[in-house]
Amino acid sequence: MNGATDLTTVLAGDHRELDRLCTELELGQGSPENRKDLADHLIAELVRHAVAEEPYLDGEGDLAEADRLMRQLEGAGPQETRFERLLGGLIRAIRRHVRDEGPTAVDEVRRRCSPQRRAELGKEVLEIRDAAKTVPHPDLADRLPQADQLWPGPGFVDRARAALRAPASG
């Protein structure tokens, strides 16, 4: 059994990455277009995380609020005044999740699943993520062919969820 694939390790790593991306956005650097790209990357990472964690949450709370904000943000251009307001709300919801709900979900996984099952689930999550096409970090966008990327825009959150929930092929 590999501890790196334990679902609790995967979820905790997600929380650290989401926190890091929020900090990067809070620094407020870069052009509006770069901030939009980084916000899209944050959304892709959050969707990937939420698909893995949702079975262990009650369905209400910070991830539900984040989902609502992501759907509004996907249609906002980086020059619009609502973009920064929505992004700020999304960052606050993510921070609350990482601080409050996230550790509860990790504890729930630990309580409900044996170490072997956690390893199986963690491996499944990582395999699905590897198989699903997603939006790369803006610094990596030029390194992946466009055909291998799931581009943002209207319906992005739903397309990302569908790609992650599809069975891994291969």
Protein backbone atom coordinates (compact mmCIF):
# COMPACT_ATOMS: atom_id res chain seq x y z
CA MET A 1 0.00 0.00 0.00
CA ASN A 2 1.35 3.40 -0.95
CA GLY A 3 0.65 6.21 1.54
CA ALA A 4 0.86 8.76 -1.27
CA THR A 5 -2.28 7.27 -2.83
CA ASP A 6 -4.28 7.10 0.41
CA LEU A 7 -7.43 9.16 -0.24
CA THR A 8 -6.82 11.19 2.92
CA THR A 9 -3.35 12.11 1.62
CA VAL A 10 -4.79 13.03 -1.79
CA LEU A 11 -7.50 15.24 -0.25
CA ALA A 12 -5.07 16.94 2.14
CA GLY A 13 -2.73 17.62 -0.79
CA ASP A 14 -5.65 19.13 -2.69
CA HIS A 15 -6.32 21.45 0.24
CA ARG A 16 -2.70 22.65 0.22
CA GLU A 17 -2.80 23.24 -3.57
CA LEU A 18 -6.13 25.10 -3.40
CA ASP A 19 -4.74 27.27 -0.60
CA ARG A 20 -1.59 27.99 -2.65
CA LEU A 21 -3.64 29.00 -5.72
CA CYS A 22 -5.83 31.28 -3.59
CA THR A 23 -2.72 32.97 -2.23
CA GLU A 24 -1.36 33.40 -5.75
CA LEU A 25 -4.61 35.09 -6.81
CA GLU A 26 -4.78 37.22 -3.67
CA LEU A 27 -1.39 38.71 -4.54
CA GLY A 28 -3.24 40.43 -7.39
CA GLN A 29 -0.35 40.27 -9.82
CA GLY A 30 -0.54 39.79 -13.56
CA SER A 31 -2.78 41.09 -16.29
CA PRO A 32 -6.55 40.63 -16.06
CA GLU A 33 -6.26 37.89 -18.70
CA ASN A 34 -3.58 36.08 -16.67
CA ARG A 35 -5.76 36.35 -13.55
CA LYS A 36 -8.68 34.87 -15.53
CA ASP A 37 -6.45 31.99 -16.64
CA LEU A 38 -5.32 31.42 -13.05
CA ALA A 39 -8.94 31.61 -11.84
CA ASP A 40 -9.88 28.99 -14.46
CA HIS A 41 -7.02 26.80 -13.20
CA LEU A 42 -8.29 27.23 -9.62
CA ILE A 43 -11.80 26.24 -10.75
CA ALA A 44 -10.46 23.13 -12.52
CA GLU A 45 -8.53 22.11 -9.41
CA LEU A 46 -11.55 22.73 -7.18
CA VAL A 47 -13.83 20.66 -9.40
CA ARG A 48 -11.28 17.82 -9.39
CA HIS A 49 -11.14 18.02 -5.60
CA ALA A 50 -14.90 18.32 -5.10
CA VAL A 51 -15.65 15.24 -7.20
CA ALA A 52 -13.36 13.20 -4.90
CA GLU A 53 -14.56 14.74 -1.64
CA GLU A 54 -18.31 15.27 -2.18
CA PRO A 55 -19.32 11.74 -1.08
CA TYR A 56 -17.96 12.59 2.40
CA LEU A 57 -19.68 15.97 2.83
CA ASP A 58 -23.30 16.81 3.57
CA GLY A 59 -23.84 18.58 0.24
CA GLU A 60 -24.32 22.04 1.73
CA GLY A 61 -21.69 24.47 2.81
CA ASP A 62 -18.58 25.97 1.33
CA LEU A 63 -18.23 23.64 -1.67
CA ALA A 64 -21.88 24.26 -2.59
CA GLU A 65 -21.28 28.01 -2.33
CA ALA A 66 -18.06 27.66 -4.34
CA ASP A 67 -19.97 25.74 -7.02
CA ARG A 68 -22.51 28.57 -7.32
CA LEU A 69 -19.72 31.16 -7.56
CA MET A 70 -17.76 29.09 -10.11
CA ARG A 71 -20.79 28.96 -12.37
CA GLN A 72 -21.17 32.75 -12.18
CA LEU A 73 -17.44 33.31 -12.64
CA GLU A 74 -17.16 31.12 -15.73
CA GLY A 75 -19.24 33.68 -17.64
CA ALA A 76 -17.46 36.77 -16.31
CA GLY A 77 -14.76 38.43 -18.34
CA PRO A 78 -11.58 39.54 -16.55
CA GLN A 79 -12.30 43.21 -17.34
CA GLU A 80 -15.78 43.11 -15.75
CA THR A 81 -16.15 44.59 -12.27
CA ARG A 82 -18.02 41.50 -11.09
CA PHE A 83 -15.04 39.27 -11.95
CA GLU A 84 -12.93 40.35 -8.95
CA ARG A 85 -15.98 40.38 -6.65
CA LEU A 86 -16.93 36.82 -7.66
CA LEU A 87 -13.32 35.67 -7.50
CA GLY A 88 -12.97 37.12 -3.99
CA GLY A 89 -16.11 35.26 -2.91
CA LEU A 90 -14.80 32.03 -4.42
CA ILE A 91 -11.47 32.42 -2.64
CA ARG A 92 -13.25 33.02 0.70
CA ALA A 93 -15.44 29.92 0.17
CA ILE A 94 -12.38 27.82 -0.68
CA ARG A 95 -10.47 29.10 2.35
CA ARG A 96 -13.43 28.27 4.63
CA HIS A 97 -13.64 24.81 3.08
CA VAL A 98 -9.92 24.17 3.54
CA ARG A 99 -10.10 25.40 7.15
CA ASP A 100 -13.43 23.90 8.26
CA GLU A 101 -15.08 21.34 5.96
CA GLY A 102 -11.94 19.82 4.46
CA PRO A 103 -10.48 18.39 7.67
CA THR A 104 -13.94 17.05 8.59
CA ALA A 105 -14.18 15.25 5.23
CA VAL A 106 -10.68 13.78 5.67
CA ASP A 107 -11.64 12.58 9.16
CA GLU A 108 -14.87 11.08 7.77
CA VAL A 109 -12.90 9.17 5.10
CA ARG A 110 -10.53 7.90 7.80
CA ARG A 111 -13.48 6.85 10.00
CA ARG A 112 -15.54 5.15 7.26
CA CYS A 113 -12.81 3.45 5.22
CA SER A 114 -10.16 0.92 6.07
CA PRO A 115 -6.55 1.78 5.17
CA GLN A 116 -6.78 -0.63 2.23
CA ARG A 117 -10.00 0.96 0.96
CA ARG A 118 -8.52 4.47 1.35
CA ALA A 119 -5.55 3.35 -0.77
CA GLU A 120 -7.90 1.93 -3.42
CA LEU A 121 -10.02 5.10 -3.48
CA GLY A 122 -6.98 7.36 -3.61
CA LYS A 123 -5.56 5.38 -6.53
CA GLU A 124 -8.92 5.56 -8.34
CA VAL A 125 -9.11 9.34 -7.83
CA LEU A 126 -5.59 9.83 -9.17
CA GLU A 127 -6.25 7.57 -12.18
CA ILE A 128 -9.46 9.42 -13.03
CA ARG A 129 -7.68 12.76 -12.72
CA ASP A 130 -4.88 11.59 -14.99
CA ALA A 131 -7.39 10.35 -17.57
CA ALA A 132 -9.62 13.46 -17.49
CA LYS A 133 -8.66 16.42 -19.58
CA THR A 134 -8.42 19.60 -17.56
CA VAL A 135 -7.20 23.16 -17.78
CA PRO A 136 -3.49 23.47 -17.10
CA HIS A 137 -1.91 26.14 -14.94
CA PRO A 138 -1.43 29.22 -17.16
CA ASP A 139 2.35 28.68 -17.11
CA LEU A 140 1.81 25.23 -18.65
CA ALA A 141 -0.80 26.15 -21.27
CA ASP A 142 1.78 26.47 -24.03
CA ARG A 143 3.18 23.02 -23.27
CA LEU A 144 -0.02 21.04 -23.86
CA PRO A 145 -1.70 20.68 -27.25
CA GLN A 146 -5.04 22.49 -27.38
CA ALA A 147 -6.80 19.21 -28.21
CA ASP A 148 -5.64 17.82 -24.83
CA GLN A 149 -7.14 20.66 -22.81
CA LEU A 150 -10.67 21.21 -21.56
CA TRP A 151 -11.14 24.91 -22.22
CA PRO A 152 -13.16 27.16 -19.92
CA GLY A 153 -16.23 29.12 -20.85
CA PRO A 154 -19.95 28.57 -20.42
CA GLY A 155 -20.58 25.08 -19.09
CA PHE A 156 -16.92 24.59 -18.05
CA VAL A 157 -17.77 23.45 -14.51
CA ASP A 158 -20.27 20.88 -15.80
CA ARG A 159 -17.91 19.62 -18.54
CA ALA A 160 -15.08 19.26 -16.03
CA ARG A 161 -17.32 17.34 -13.61
CA ALA A 162 -18.52 15.05 -16.42
CA ALA A 163 -14.96 14.37 -17.56
CA LEU A 164 -13.92 13.48 -14.01
CA ARG A 165 -16.92 11.25 -13.39
CA ALA A 166 -16.46 9.30 -16.65
CA PRO A 167 -14.82 5.93 -16.12
CA ALA A 168 -11.08 5.95 -16.77
CA SER A 169 -10.22 4.19 -19.99
CA GLY A 170 -6.96 2.57 -20.68
